PDB file of N, CA and C in Angstrom:
ATOM      1  N   MET A   1       0.825  -1.180   0.000  1.00  0.00           N
ATOM      2  CA  MET A   1       0.000   0.000   0.000  1.00  0.00           C
ATOM      3  C   MET A   1       0.867   1.241   0.000  1.00  0.00           C
ATOM      4  N   LYS A   2       0.426   2.188  -0.731  1.00  0.00           N
ATOM      5  CA  LYS A   2       1.143   3.448  -0.825  1.00  0.00           C
ATOM      6  C   LYS A   2       0.561   4.440   0.189  1.00  0.00           C
ATOM      7  N   SER A   3       1.425   5.057   0.993  1.00  0.00           N
ATOM      8  CA  SER A   3       0.930   6.028   1.974  1.00  0.00           C
ATOM      9  C   SER A   3       0.681   7.368   1.296  1.00  0.00           C
ATOM     10  N   SER A   4      -0.339   8.041   1.749  1.00  0.00           N
ATOM     11  CA  SER A   4      -0.655   9.351   1.176  1.00  0.00           C
ATOM     12  C   SER A   4      -0.354  10.437   2.196  1.00  0.00           C
ATOM     13  N   ASN A   5      -0.284  11.651   1.719  1.00  0.00           N
ATOM     14  CA  ASN A   5       0.006  12.791   2.587  1.00  0.00           C
ATOM     15  C   ASN A   5      -1.260  13.525   3.017  1.00  0.00           C
ATOM     16  N   ARG A   6      -2.383  12.862   2.903  1.00  0.00           N
ATOM     17  CA  ARG A   6      -3.637  13.505   3.286  1.00  0.00           C
ATOM     18  C   ARG A   6      -3.728  13.606   4.810  1.00  0.00           C
ATOM     19  N   PRO A   7      -4.349  14.672   5.300  1.00  0.00           N
ATOM     20  CA  PRO A   7      -4.505  14.797   6.755  1.00  0.00           C
ATOM     21  C   PRO A   7      -5.548  13.817   7.278  1.00  0.00           C
ATOM     22  N   LEU A   8      -5.423  13.492   8.536  1.00  0.00           N
ATOM     23  CA  LEU A   8      -6.400  12.630   9.179  1.00  0.00           C
ATOM     24  C   LEU A   8      -7.693  13.399   9.387  1.00  0.00           C
ATOM     25  N   SER A   9      -8.787  12.699   9.372  1.00  0.00           N
ATOM     26  CA  SER A   9     -10.067  13.358   9.587  1.00  0.00           C
ATOM     27  C   SER A   9     -10.748  12.728  10.787  1.00  0.00           C
ATOM     28  N   PRO A  10     -11.258  13.451  11.734  1.00  0.00           N
ATOM     29  CA  PRO A  10     -11.138  14.898  11.888  1.00  0.00           C
ATOM     30  C   PRO A  10      -9.748  15.270  12.386  1.00  0.00           C
ATOM     31  N   HIS A  11      -9.268  16.377  11.913  1.00  0.00           N
ATOM     32  CA  HIS A  11      -7.940  16.837  12.288  1.00  0.00           C
ATOM     33  C   HIS A  11      -7.986  17.266  13.749  1.00  0.00           C
ATOM     34  N   LEU A  12      -7.209  16.624  14.593  1.00  0.00           N
ATOM     35  CA  LEU A  12      -7.333  16.808  16.032  1.00  0.00           C
ATOM     36  C   LEU A  12      -6.983  18.216  16.505  1.00  0.00           C
ATOM     37  N   GLN A  13      -6.133  18.922  15.773  1.00  0.00           N
ATOM     38  CA  GLN A  13      -5.772  20.268  16.204  1.00  0.00           C
ATOM     39  C   GLN A  13      -6.886  21.277  15.966  1.00  0.00           C
ATOM     40  N   ILE A  14      -7.779  21.016  15.023  1.00  0.00           N
ATOM     41  CA  ILE A  14      -8.825  21.986  14.715  1.00  0.00           C
ATOM     42  C   ILE A  14     -10.214  21.486  15.080  1.00  0.00           C
ATOM     43  N   TYR A  15     -10.338  20.241  15.462  1.00  0.00           N
ATOM     44  CA  TYR A  15     -11.649  19.698  15.784  1.00  0.00           C
ATOM     45  C   TYR A  15     -12.133  20.272  17.109  1.00  0.00           C
ATOM     46  N   LYS A  16     -13.350  20.782  17.127  1.00  0.00           N
ATOM     47  CA  LYS A  16     -13.932  21.345  18.337  1.00  0.00           C
ATOM     48  C   LYS A  16     -15.105  20.468  18.767  1.00  0.00           C
ATOM     49  N   LEU A  17     -15.009  19.951  19.994  1.00  0.00           N
ATOM     50  CA  LEU A  17     -16.091  19.121  20.509  1.00  0.00           C
ATOM     51  C   LEU A  17     -17.357  19.956  20.648  1.00  0.00           C
ATOM     52  N   PRO A  18     -18.502  19.389  20.307  1.00  0.00           N
ATOM     53  CA  PRO A  18     -19.750  20.124  20.532  1.00  0.00           C
ATOM     54  C   PRO A  18     -20.006  20.306  22.030  1.00  0.00           C
ATOM     55  N   LEU A  19     -20.851  21.268  22.347  1.00  0.00           N
ATOM     56  CA  LEU A  19     -21.152  21.576  23.745  1.00  0.00           C
ATOM     57  C   LEU A  19     -21.636  20.345  24.499  1.00  0.00           C
ATOM     58  N   SER A  20     -22.490  19.562  23.882  1.00  0.00           N
ATOM     59  CA  SER A  20     -23.027  18.377  24.566  1.00  0.00           C
ATOM     60  C   SER A  20     -21.920  17.383  24.921  1.00  0.00           C
ATOM     61  N   ALA A  21     -20.920  17.250  24.074  1.00  0.00           N
ATOM     62  CA  ALA A  21     -19.809  16.338  24.361  1.00  0.00           C
ATOM     63  C   ALA A  21     -18.953  16.873  25.507  1.00  0.00           C
ATOM     64  N   ARG A  22     -18.699  18.185  25.497  1.00  0.00           N
ATOM     65  CA  ARG A  22     -17.909  18.777  26.580  1.00  0.00           C
ATOM     66  C   ARG A  22     -18.645  18.664  27.917  1.00  0.00           C
ATOM     67  N   LEU A  23     -19.962  18.867  27.895  1.00  0.00           N
ATOM     68  CA  LEU A  23     -20.736  18.748  29.129  1.00  0.00           C
ATOM     69  C   LEU A  23     -20.819  17.300  29.598  1.00  0.00           C
ATOM     70  N   SER A  24     -20.826  16.359  28.668  1.00  0.00           N
ATOM     71  CA  SER A  24     -20.821  14.943  29.030  1.00  0.00           C
ATOM     72  C   SER A  24     -19.513  14.572  29.724  1.00  0.00           C
ATOM     73  N   ILE A  25     -18.410  15.060  29.189  1.00  0.00           N
ATOM     74  CA  ILE A  25     -17.109  14.814  29.814  1.00  0.00           C
ATOM     75  C   ILE A  25     -17.063  15.464  31.191  1.00  0.00           C
ATOM     76  N   LEU A  26     -17.594  16.696  31.288  1.00  0.00           N
ATOM     77  CA  LEU A  26     -17.624  17.388  32.578  1.00  0.00           C
ATOM     78  C   LEU A  26     -18.483  16.630  33.589  1.00  0.00           C
ATOM     79  N   HIS A  27     -19.573  16.032  33.138  1.00  0.00           N
ATOM     80  CA  HIS A  27     -20.435  15.251  34.032  1.00  0.00           C
ATOM     81  C   HIS A  27     -19.662  14.066  34.615  1.00  0.00           C
ATOM     82  N   ARG A  28     -18.896  13.403  33.788  1.00  0.00           N
ATOM     83  CA  ARG A  28     -18.100  12.266  34.268  1.00  0.00           C
ATOM     84  C   ARG A  28     -17.019  12.727  35.241  1.00  0.00           C
ATOM     85  N   LEU A  29     -16.372  13.857  34.918  1.00  0.00           N
ATOM     86  CA  LEU A  29     -15.327  14.382  35.803  1.00  0.00           C
ATOM     87  C   LEU A  29     -15.902  14.839  37.139  1.00  0.00           C
ATOM     88  N   THR A  30     -17.104  15.429  37.106  1.00  0.00           N
ATOM     89  CA  THR A  30     -17.711  15.843  38.373  1.00  0.00           C
ATOM     90  C   THR A  30     -18.105  14.636  39.213  1.00  0.00           C
ATOM     91  N   GLY A  31     -18.470  13.541  38.563  1.00  0.00           N
ATOM     92  CA  GLY A  31     -18.736  12.311  39.306  1.00  0.00           C
ATOM     93  C   GLY A  31     -17.492  11.819  40.022  1.00  0.00           C
ATOM     94  N   LEU A  32     -16.351  11.890  39.344  1.00  0.00           N
ATOM     95  CA  LEU A  32     -15.085  11.503  39.980  1.00  0.00           C
ATOM     96  C   LEU A  32     -14.734  12.450  41.119  1.00  0.00           C
ATOM     97  N   ALA A  33     -14.948  13.750  40.900  1.00  0.00           N
ATOM     98  CA  ALA A  33     -14.638  14.735  41.941  1.00  0.00           C
ATOM     99  C   ALA A  33     -15.538  14.547  43.161  1.00  0.00           C
ATOM    100  N   LEU A  34     -16.800  14.233  42.937  1.00  0.00           N
ATOM    101  CA  LEU A  34     -17.703  13.977  44.063  1.00  0.00           C
ATOM    102  C   LEU A  34     -17.265  12.747  44.850  1.00  0.00           C
ATOM    103  N   THR A  35     -16.802  11.733  44.146  1.00  0.00           N
ATOM    104  CA  THR A  35     -16.312  10.531  44.819  1.00  0.00           C
ATOM    105  C   THR A  35     -15.084  10.849  45.660  1.00  0.00           C
ATOM    106  N   ALA A  36     -14.145  11.601  45.089  1.00  0.00           N
ATOM    107  CA  ALA A  36     -12.943  11.988  45.835  1.00  0.00           C
ATOM    108  C   ALA A  36     -13.319  12.835  47.046  1.00  0.00           C
ATOM    109  N   GLY A  37     -14.241  13.770  46.859  1.00  0.00           N
ATOM    110  CA  GLY A  37     -14.687  14.602  47.969  1.00  0.00           C
ATOM    111  C   GLY A  37     -15.392  13.800  49.042  1.00  0.00           C
ATOM    112  N   ALA A  38     -16.139  12.781  48.638  1.00  0.00           N
ATOM    113  CA  ALA A  38     -16.809  11.921  49.613  1.00  0.00           C
ATOM    114  C   ALA A  38     -15.783  11.157  50.449  1.00  0.00           C
ATOM    115  N   PHE A  39     -14.690  10.724  49.825  1.00  0.00           N
ATOM    116  CA  PHE A  39     -13.628  10.049  50.581  1.00  0.00           C
ATOM    117  C   PHE A  39     -13.010  10.998  51.603  1.00  0.00           C
ATOM    118  N   VAL A  40     -12.796  12.244  51.207  1.00  0.00           N
ATOM    119  CA  VAL A  40     -12.246  13.234  52.136  1.00  0.00           C
ATOM    120  C   VAL A  40     -13.227  13.478  53.281  1.00  0.00           C
ATOM    121  N   LEU A  41     -14.503  13.564  52.959  1.00  0.00           N
ATOM    122  CA  LEU A  41     -15.525  13.767  53.990  1.00  0.00           C
ATOM    123  C   LEU A  41     -15.553  12.595  54.973  1.00  0.00           C
ATOM    124  N   VAL A  42     -15.496  11.379  54.461  1.00  0.00           N
ATOM    125  CA  VAL A  42     -15.485  10.197  55.329  1.00  0.00           C
ATOM    126  C   VAL A  42     -14.216  10.174  56.180  1.00  0.00           C
ATOM    127  N   LEU A  43     -13.078  10.540  55.586  1.00  0.00           N
ATOM    128  CA  LEU A  43     -11.829  10.608  56.346  1.00  0.00           C
ATOM    129  C   LEU A  43     -11.963  11.610  57.488  1.00  0.00           C
ATOM    130  N   TRP A  44     -12.560  12.768  57.200  1.00  0.00           N
ATOM    131  CA  TRP A  44     -12.749  13.781  58.235  1.00  0.00           C
ATOM    132  C   TRP A  44     -13.680  13.278  59.339  1.00  0.00           C
ATOM    133  N   LEU A  45     -14.776  12.608  58.960  1.00  0.00           N
ATOM    134  CA  LEU A  45     -15.708  12.074  59.958  1.00  0.00           C
ATOM    135  C   LEU A  45     -15.053  10.991  60.818  1.00  0.00           C
ATOM    136  N   LEU A  46     -14.256  10.137  60.189  1.00  0.00           N
ATOM    137  CA  LEU A  46     -13.528   9.123  60.963  1.00  0.00           C
ATOM    138  C   LEU A  46     -12.515   9.776  61.896  1.00  0.00           C
ATOM    139  N   ALA A  47     -11.872  10.831  61.406  1.00  0.00           N
ATOM    140  CA  ALA A  47     -10.914  11.548  62.249  1.00  0.00           C
ATOM    141  C   ALA A  47     -11.621  12.206  63.428  1.00  0.00           C
ATOM    142  N   LEU A  48     -12.822  12.724  63.204  1.00  0.00           N
ATOM    143  CA  LEU A  48     -13.594  13.299  64.316  1.00  0.00           C
ATOM    144  C   LEU A  48     -13.903  12.244  65.370  1.00  0.00           C
ATOM    145  N   ALA A  49     -14.185  11.032  64.919  1.00  0.00           N
ATOM    146  CA  ALA A  49     -14.559   9.968  65.846  1.00  0.00           C
ATOM    147  C   ALA A  49     -13.356   9.368  66.574  1.00  0.00           C
ATOM    148  N   PHE A  50     -12.219   9.254  65.885  1.00  0.00           N
ATOM    149  CA  PHE A  50     -11.117   8.480  66.451  1.00  0.00           C
ATOM    150  C   PHE A  50      -9.815   9.240  66.654  1.00  0.00           C
ATOM    151  N   ASN A  51      -9.605  10.346  65.957  1.00  0.00           N
ATOM    152  CA  ASN A  51      -8.310  11.014  66.012  1.00  0.00           C
ATOM    153  C   ASN A  51      -8.530  12.521  65.934  1.00  0.00           C
ATOM    154  N   SER A  52      -8.631  13.159  67.090  1.00  0.00           N
ATOM    155  CA  SER A  52      -8.953  14.585  67.091  1.00  0.00           C
ATOM    156  C   SER A  52      -7.841  15.425  66.466  1.00  0.00           C
ATOM    157  N   GLY A  53      -6.592  14.978  66.553  1.00  0.00           N
ATOM    158  CA  GLY A  53      -5.486  15.720  65.939  1.00  0.00           C
ATOM    159  C   GLY A  53      -5.618  15.783  64.428  1.00  0.00           C
ATOM    160  N   LEU A  54      -5.953  14.662  63.821  1.00  0.00           N
ATOM    161  CA  LEU A  54      -6.151  14.631  62.369  1.00  0.00           C
ATOM    162  C   LEU A  54      -7.378  15.446  61.976  1.00  0.00           C
ATOM    163  N   ALA A  55      -8.422  15.396  62.779  1.00  0.00           N
ATOM    164  CA  ALA A  55      -9.633  16.175  62.492  1.00  0.00           C
ATOM    165  C   ALA A  55      -9.327  17.663  62.508  1.00  0.00           C
ATOM    166  N   ILE A  56      -8.517  18.103  63.458  1.00  0.00           N
ATOM    167  CA  ILE A  56      -8.137  19.519  63.524  1.00  0.00           C
ATOM    168  C   ILE A  56      -7.289  19.894  62.319  1.00  0.00           C
ATOM    169  N   THR A  57      -6.401  19.001  61.898  1.00  0.00           N
ATOM    170  CA  THR A  57      -5.577  19.259  60.718  1.00  0.00           C
ATOM    171  C   THR A  57      -6.439  19.393  59.468  1.00  0.00           C
ATOM    172  N   ILE A  58      -7.389  18.494  59.296  1.00  0.00           N
ATOM    173  CA  ILE A  58      -8.278  18.558  58.131  1.00  0.00           C
ATOM    174  C   ILE A  58      -9.119  19.825  58.185  1.00  0.00           C
ATOM    175  N   TYR A  59      -9.646  20.148  59.366  1.00  0.00           N
ATOM    176  CA  TYR A  59     -10.452  21.364  59.506  1.00  0.00           C
ATOM    177  C   TYR A  59      -9.618  22.610  59.203  1.00  0.00           C
ATOM    178  N   SER A  60      -8.392  22.636  59.686  1.00  0.00           N
ATOM    179  CA  SER A  60      -7.547  23.805  59.430  1.00  0.00           C
ATOM    180  C   SER A  60      -7.202  23.918  57.947  1.00  0.00           C
ATOM    181  N   PHE A  61      -7.108  22.788  57.244  1.00  0.00           N
ATOM    182  CA  PHE A  61      -6.902  22.853  55.795  1.00  0.00           C
ATOM    183  C   PHE A  61      -8.102  23.499  55.114  1.00  0.00           C
ATOM    184  N   PHE A  62      -9.312  23.139  55.543  1.00  0.00           N
ATOM    185  CA  PHE A  62     -10.515  23.688  54.918  1.00  0.00           C
ATOM    186  C   PHE A  62     -10.698  25.169  55.201  1.00  0.00           C
ATOM    187  N   THR A  63     -10.025  25.705  56.195  1.00  0.00           N
ATOM    188  CA  THR A  63     -10.126  27.135  56.473  1.00  0.00           C
ATOM    189  C   THR A  63      -9.097  27.953  55.702  1.00  0.00           C
ATOM    190  N   THR A  64      -8.164  27.304  55.019  1.00  0.00           N
ATOM    191  CA  THR A  64      -7.198  28.027  54.190  1.00  0.00           C
ATOM    192  C   THR A  64      -7.834  28.402  52.859  1.00  0.00           C
ATOM    193  N   SER A  65      -7.144  29.241  52.097  1.00  0.00           N
ATOM    194  CA  SER A  65      -7.660  29.654  50.782  1.00  0.00           C
ATOM    195  C   SER A  65      -7.813  28.465  49.847  1.00  0.00           C
ATOM    196  N   ILE A  66      -6.829  27.589  49.844  1.00  0.00           N
ATOM    197  CA  ILE A  66      -6.897  26.407  48.974  1.00  0.00           C
ATOM    198  C   ILE A  66      -8.045  25.500  49.411  1.00  0.00           C
ATOM    199  N   GLY A  67      -8.226  25.361  50.709  1.00  0.00           N
ATOM    200  CA  GLY A  67      -9.332  24.554  51.217  1.00  0.00           C
ATOM    201  C   GLY A  67     -10.682  25.132  50.842  1.00  0.00           C
ATOM    202  N   LYS A  68     -10.800  26.467  50.899  1.00  0.00           N
ATOM    203  CA  LYS A  68     -12.060  27.113  50.491  1.00  0.00           C
ATOM    204  C   LYS A  68     -12.326  26.890  49.010  1.00  0.00           C
ATOM    205  N   VAL A  69     -11.291  26.996  48.187  1.00  0.00           N
ATOM    206  CA  VAL A  69     -11.449  26.740  46.747  1.00  0.00           C
ATOM    207  C   VAL A  69     -11.905  25.301  46.529  1.00  0.00           C
ATOM    208  N   PHE A  70     -11.326  24.370  47.270  1.00  0.00           N
ATOM    209  CA  PHE A  70     -11.732  22.964  47.190  1.00  0.00           C
ATOM    210  C   PHE A  70     -13.210  22.812  47.540  1.00  0.00           C
ATOM    211  N   LEU A  71     -13.643  23.430  48.632  1.00  0.00           N
ATOM    212  CA  LEU A  71     -15.035  23.308  49.068  1.00  0.00           C
ATOM    213  C   LEU A  71     -16.001  23.997  48.111  1.00  0.00           C
ATOM    214  N   ILE A  72     -15.621  25.162  47.604  1.00  0.00           N
ATOM    215  CA  ILE A  72     -16.471  25.857  46.633  1.00  0.00           C
ATOM    216  C   ILE A  72     -16.569  25.031  45.353  1.00  0.00           C
ATOM    217  N   GLY A  73     -15.441  24.485  44.911  1.00  0.00           N
ATOM    218  CA  GLY A  73     -15.451  23.625  43.726  1.00  0.00           C
ATOM    219  C   GLY A  73     -16.292  22.381  43.936  1.00  0.00           C
ATOM    220  N   TRP A  74     -16.213  21.823  45.142  1.00  0.00           N
ATOM    221  CA  TRP A  74     -17.003  20.626  45.437  1.00  0.00           C
ATOM    222  C   TRP A  74     -18.486  20.958  45.466  1.00  0.00           C
ATOM    223  N   THR A  75     -18.830  22.143  45.943  1.00  0.00           N
ATOM    224  CA  THR A  75     -20.229  22.581  45.950  1.00  0.00           C
ATOM    225  C   THR A  75     -20.747  22.730  44.525  1.00  0.00           C
ATOM    226  N   PHE A  76     -19.958  23.397  43.667  1.00  0.00           N
ATOM    227  CA  PHE A  76     -20.361  23.534  42.263  1.00  0.00           C
ATOM    228  C   PHE A  76     -20.497  22.160  41.616  1.00  0.00           C
ATOM    229  N   THR A  77     -19.538  21.289  41.909  1.00  0.00           N
ATOM    230  CA  THR A  77     -19.551  19.941  41.356  1.00  0.00           C
ATOM    231  C   THR A  77     -20.826  19.201  41.749  1.00  0.00           C
ATOM    232  N   PHE A  78     -21.216  19.344  43.009  1.00  0.00           N
ATOM    233  CA  PHE A  78     -22.445  18.695  43.469  1.00  0.00           C
ATOM    234  C   PHE A  78     -23.649  19.209  42.691  1.00  0.00           C
ATOM    235  N   PHE A  79     -23.803  20.527  42.613  1.00  0.00           N
ATOM    236  CA  PHE A  79     -24.963  21.096  41.924  1.00  0.00           C
ATOM    237  C   PHE A  79     -24.956  20.745  40.440  1.00  0.00           C
ATOM    238  N   TYR A  80     -23.786  20.838  39.800  1.00  0.00           N
ATOM    239  CA  TYR A  80     -23.716  20.530  38.371  1.00  0.00           C
ATOM    240  C   TYR A  80     -24.095  19.074  38.123  1.00  0.00           C
ATOM    241  N   HIS A  81     -23.512  18.174  38.893  1.00  0.00           N
ATOM    242  CA  HIS A  81     -23.762  16.749  38.682  1.00  0.00           C
ATOM    243  C   HIS A  81     -25.229  16.414  38.954  1.00  0.00           C
ATOM    244  N   PHE A  82     -25.803  17.029  39.974  1.00  0.00           N
ATOM    245  CA  PHE A  82     -27.205  16.787  40.310  1.00  0.00           C
ATOM    246  C   PHE A  82     -28.121  17.258  39.182  1.00  0.00           C
ATOM    247  N   PHE A  83     -27.971  18.505  38.768  1.00  0.00           N
ATOM    248  CA  PHE A  83     -28.877  19.044  37.752  1.00  0.00           C
ATOM    249  C   PHE A  83     -28.624  18.434  36.378  1.00  0.00           C
ATOM    250  N   ASN A  84     -27.395  18.086  36.080  1.00  0.00           N
ATOM    251  CA  ASN A  84     -27.130  17.416  34.810  1.00  0.00           C
ATOM    252  C   ASN A  84     -27.710  16.001  34.837  1.00  0.00           C
ATOM    253  N   GLY A  85     -27.703  15.362  35.997  1.00  0.00           N
ATOM    254  CA  GLY A  85     -28.363  14.063  36.133  1.00  0.00           C
ATOM    255  C   GLY A  85     -29.863  14.169  35.910  1.00  0.00           C
ATOM    256  N   MET A  86     -30.469  15.258  36.414  1.00  0.00           N
ATOM    257  CA  MET A  86     -31.899  15.495  36.155  1.00  0.00           C
ATOM    258  C   MET A  86     -32.142  15.678  34.656  1.00  0.00           C
ATOM    259  N   ARG A  87     -31.219  16.338  34.007  1.00  0.00           N
ATOM    260  CA  ARG A  87     -31.299  16.544  32.556  1.00  0.00           C
ATOM    261  C   ARG A  87     -31.267  15.198  31.830  1.00  0.00           C
ATOM    262  N   HIS A  88     -30.396  14.313  32.275  1.00  0.00           N
ATOM    263  CA  HIS A  88     -30.318  12.983  31.666  1.00  0.00           C
ATOM    264  C   HIS A  88     -31.593  12.180  31.924  1.00  0.00           C
ATOM    265  N   LEU A  89     -32.161  12.326  33.118  1.00  0.00           N
ATOM    266  CA  LEU A  89     -33.428  11.643  33.394  1.00  0.00           C
ATOM    267  C   LEU A  89     -34.540  12.161  32.488  1.00  0.00           C
ATOM    268  N   LEU A  90     -34.530  13.454  32.211  1.00  0.00           N
ATOM    269  CA  LEU A  90     -35.504  14.020  31.283  1.00  0.00           C
ATOM    270  C   LEU A  90     -35.314  13.420  29.891  1.00  0.00           C
ATOM    271  N   TRP A  91     -34.068  13.256  29.490  1.00  0.00           N
ATOM    272  CA  TRP A  91     -33.795  12.658  28.178  1.00  0.00           C
ATOM    273  C   TRP A  91     -34.279  11.215  28.128  1.00  0.00           C
ATOM    274  N   ASP A  92     -34.223  10.512  29.246  1.00  0.00           N
ATOM    275  CA  ASP A  92     -34.695   9.124  29.283  1.00  0.00           C
ATOM    276  C   ASP A  92     -36.181   9.011  28.986  1.00  0.00           C
ATOM    277  N   THR A  93     -36.905  10.108  29.154  1.00  0.00           N
ATOM    278  CA  THR A  93     -38.332  10.123  28.819  1.00  0.00           C
ATOM    279  C   THR A  93     -38.561  10.614  27.393  1.00  0.00           C
ATOM    280  N   ALA A  94     -37.495  10.736  26.618  1.00  0.00           N
ATOM    281  CA  ALA A  94     -37.529  11.177  25.215  1.00  0.00           C
ATOM    282  C   ALA A  94     -38.007  12.621  25.081  1.00  0.00           C
ATOM    283  N   ASN A  95     -37.698  13.455  26.072  1.00  0.00           N
ATOM    284  CA  ASN A  95     -38.013  14.879  26.011  1.00  0.00           C
ATOM    285  C   ASN A  95     -36.722  15.684  25.939  1.00  0.00           C
ATOM    286  N   GLY A  96     -36.764  16.790  25.226  1.00  0.00           N
ATOM    287  CA  GLY A  96     -35.621  17.690  25.162  1.00  0.00           C
ATOM    288  C   GLY A  96     -34.445  17.164  24.372  1.00  0.00           C
ATOM    289  N   LEU A  97     -34.705  16.395  23.332  1.00  0.00           N
ATOM    290  CA  LEU A  97     -33.614  15.774  22.580  1.00  0.00           C
ATOM    291  C   LEU A  97     -33.227  16.530  21.313  1.00  0.00           C
ATOM    292  N   LYS A  98     -33.849  17.663  21.050  1.00  0.00           N
ATOM    293  CA  LYS A  98     -33.434  18.469  19.900  1.00  0.00           C
ATOM    294  C   LYS A  98     -32.146  19.196  20.258  1.00  0.00           C
ATOM    295  N   VAL A  99     -31.304  19.414  19.258  1.00  0.00           N
ATOM    296  CA  VAL A  99     -29.979  19.982  19.502  1.00  0.00           C
ATOM    297  C   VAL A  99     -30.066  21.323  20.221  1.00  0.00           C
ATOM    298  N   GLU A 100     -30.963  22.200  19.777  1.00  0.00           N
ATOM    299  CA  GLU A 100     -31.052  23.512  20.430  1.00  0.00           C
ATOM    300  C   GLU A 100     -31.524  23.391  21.875  1.00  0.00           C
ATOM    301  N   CYS A 101     -32.385  22.423  22.154  1.00  0.00           N
ATOM    302  CA  CYS A 101     -32.855  22.196  23.525  1.00  0.00           C
ATOM    303  C   CYS A 101     -31.734  21.606  24.385  1.00  0.00           C
ATOM    304  N   ILE A 102     -30.946  20.728  23.806  1.00  0.00           N
ATOM    305  CA  ILE A 102     -29.816  20.136  24.524  1.00  0.00           C
ATOM    306  C   ILE A 102     -28.807  21.215  24.892  1.00  0.00           C
ATOM    307  N   ASN A 103     -28.483  22.093  23.943  1.00  0.00           N
ATOM    308  CA  ASN A 103     -27.531  23.170  24.220  1.00  0.00           C
ATOM    309  C   ASN A 103     -28.086  24.149  25.251  1.00  0.00           C
ATOM    310  N   ARG A 104     -29.354  24.506  25.114  1.00  0.00           N
ATOM    311  CA  ARG A 104     -29.973  25.451  26.049  1.00  0.00           C
ATOM    312  C   ARG A 104     -30.025  24.867  27.457  1.00  0.00           C
ATOM    313  N   SER A 105     -30.390  23.596  27.567  1.00  0.00           N
ATOM    314  CA  SER A 105     -30.461  22.982  28.896  1.00  0.00           C
ATOM    315  C   SER A 105     -29.072  22.823  29.510  1.00  0.00           C
ATOM    316  N   GLY A 106     -28.061  22.592  28.685  1.00  0.00           N
ATOM    317  CA  GLY A 106     -26.696  22.495  29.195  1.00  0.00           C
ATOM    318  C   GLY A 106     -26.210  23.812  29.771  1.00  0.00           C
ATOM    319  N   ILE A 107     -26.478  24.894  29.050  1.00  0.00           N
ATOM    320  CA  ILE A 107     -26.097  26.217  29.547  1.00  0.00           C
ATOM    321  C   ILE A 107     -26.887  26.553  30.806  1.00  0.00           C
ATOM    322  N   THR A 108     -28.160  26.167  30.832  1.00  0.00           N
ATOM    323  CA  THR A 108     -28.994  26.406  32.014  1.00  0.00           C
ATOM    324  C   THR A 108     -28.444  25.666  33.227  1.00  0.00           C
ATOM    325  N   VAL A 109     -28.010  24.434  33.037  1.00  0.00           N
ATOM    326  CA  VAL A 109     -27.441  23.657  34.143  1.00  0.00           C
ATOM    327  C   VAL A 109     -26.202  24.355  34.692  1.00  0.00           C
ATOM    328  N   ILE A 110     -25.345  24.850  33.813  1.00  0.00           N
ATOM    329  CA  ILE A 110     -24.134  25.542  34.263  1.00  0.00           C
ATOM    330  C   ILE A 110     -24.500  26.816  35.024  1.00  0.00           C
ATOM    331  N   LEU A 111     -25.443  27.588  34.484  1.00  0.00           N
ATOM    332  CA  LEU A 111     -25.840  28.834  35.141  1.00  0.00           C
ATOM    333  C   LEU A 111     -26.496  28.579  36.495  1.00  0.00           C
ATOM    334  N   VAL A 112     -27.409  27.621  36.555  1.00  0.00           N
ATOM    335  CA  VAL A 112     -28.088  27.309  37.823  1.00  0.00           C
ATOM    336  C   VAL A 112     -27.078  26.806  38.853  1.00  0.00           C
ATOM    337  N   SER A 113     -26.152  25.970  38.431  1.00  0.00           N
ATOM    338  CA  SER A 113     -25.131  25.455  39.345  1.00  0.00           C
ATOM    339  C   SER A 113     -24.259  26.584  39.878  1.00  0.00           C
ATOM    340  N   THR A 114     -23.900  27.507  39.004  1.00  0.00           N
ATOM    341  CA  THR A 114     -23.076  28.642  39.418  1.00  0.00           C
ATOM    342  C   THR A 114     -23.830  29.536  40.394  1.00  0.00           C
ATOM    343  N   VAL A 115     -25.078  29.855  40.074  1.00  0.00           N
ATOM    344  CA  VAL A 115     -25.878  30.725  40.946  1.00  0.00           C
ATOM    345  C   VAL A 115     -26.091  30.076  42.311  1.00  0.00           C
ATOM    346  N   LEU A 116     -26.418  28.802  42.338  1.00  0.00           N
ATOM    347  CA  LEU A 116     -26.640  28.126  43.618  1.00  0.00           C
ATOM    348  C   LEU A 116     -25.359  28.029  44.439  1.00  0.00           C
ATOM    349  N   THR A 117     -24.234  27.815  43.774  1.00  0.00           N
ATOM    350  CA  THR A 117     -22.954  27.784  44.485  1.00  0.00           C
ATOM    351  C   THR A 117     -22.670  29.138  45.117  1.00  0.00           C
ATOM    352  N   ILE A 118     -22.905  30.203  44.366  1.00  0.00           N
ATOM    353  CA  ILE A 118     -22.695  31.551  44.905  1.00  0.00           C
ATOM    354  C   ILE A 118     -23.639  31.807  46.078  1.00  0.00           C
ATOM    355  N   LEU A 119     -24.897  31.408  45.935  1.00  0.00           N
ATOM    356  CA  LEU A 119     -25.860  31.602  47.028  1.00  0.00           C
ATOM    357  C   LEU A 119     -25.456  30.841  48.284  1.00  0.00           C
ATOM    358  N   VAL A 120     -25.027  29.608  48.105  1.00  0.00           N
ATOM    359  CA  VAL A 120     -24.626  28.801  49.264  1.00  0.00           C
ATOM    360  C   VAL A 120     -23.446  29.441  49.983  1.00  0.00           C
ATOM    361  N   TRP A 121     -22.483  29.950  49.230  1.00  0.00           N
ATOM    362  CA  TRP A 121     -21.274  30.477  49.852  1.00  0.00           C
ATOM    363  C   TRP A 121     -21.385  31.930  50.287  1.00  0.00           C
ATOM    364  N   THR A 122     -22.376  32.656  49.793  1.00  0.00           N
ATOM    365  CA  THR A 122     -22.537  34.034  50.263  1.00  0.00           C
ATOM    366  C   THR A 122     -23.617  34.146  51.327  1.00  0.00           C
ATOM    367  N   LEU A 123     -24.708  33.420  51.154  1.00  0.00           N
ATOM    368  CA  LEU A 123     -25.817  33.502  52.101  1.00  0.00           C
ATOM    369  C   LEU A 123     -25.820  32.363  53.104  1.00  0.00           C
ATOM    370  N   GLY A 124     -25.092  31.312  52.805  1.00  0.00           N
ATOM    371  CA  GLY A 124     -25.093  30.149  53.686  1.00  0.00           C
ATOM    372  C   GLY A 124     -26.423  29.421  53.672  1.00  0.00           C
ATOM    373  N   VAL A 125     -27.075  29.423  52.509  1.00  0.00           N
ATOM    374  CA  VAL A 125     -28.398  28.804  52.373  1.00  0.00           C
ATOM    375  C   VAL A 125     -28.301  27.323  52.648  1.00  0.00           C
TER     376      VAL A 125
END
């Protein structure tokens, strides 16, 4: 076989994933982040029960700037994963499957997750 100099299709440097694909990847990543955060939460609860020194260390980490970013990110992750899961349940009923509806609902999920995260961290709702 003779090799040709034609580019591969789709060309990976110029290919742009559609919004639905990027949100699908984000949904999977938020699931992983929630799992990691749940392990940290369980570690903290076990430390509260059995090792007060470790519990104080974990608590002091959460009061630092990096710890706050972690908690704010985990809050956004929770809201995004929850509302995107509701979106998937809606799709399971064969509703909202048109491309424009999928894109609109994806943007809505991001906006609602962002607003709720801000509300939780500013108002303590």
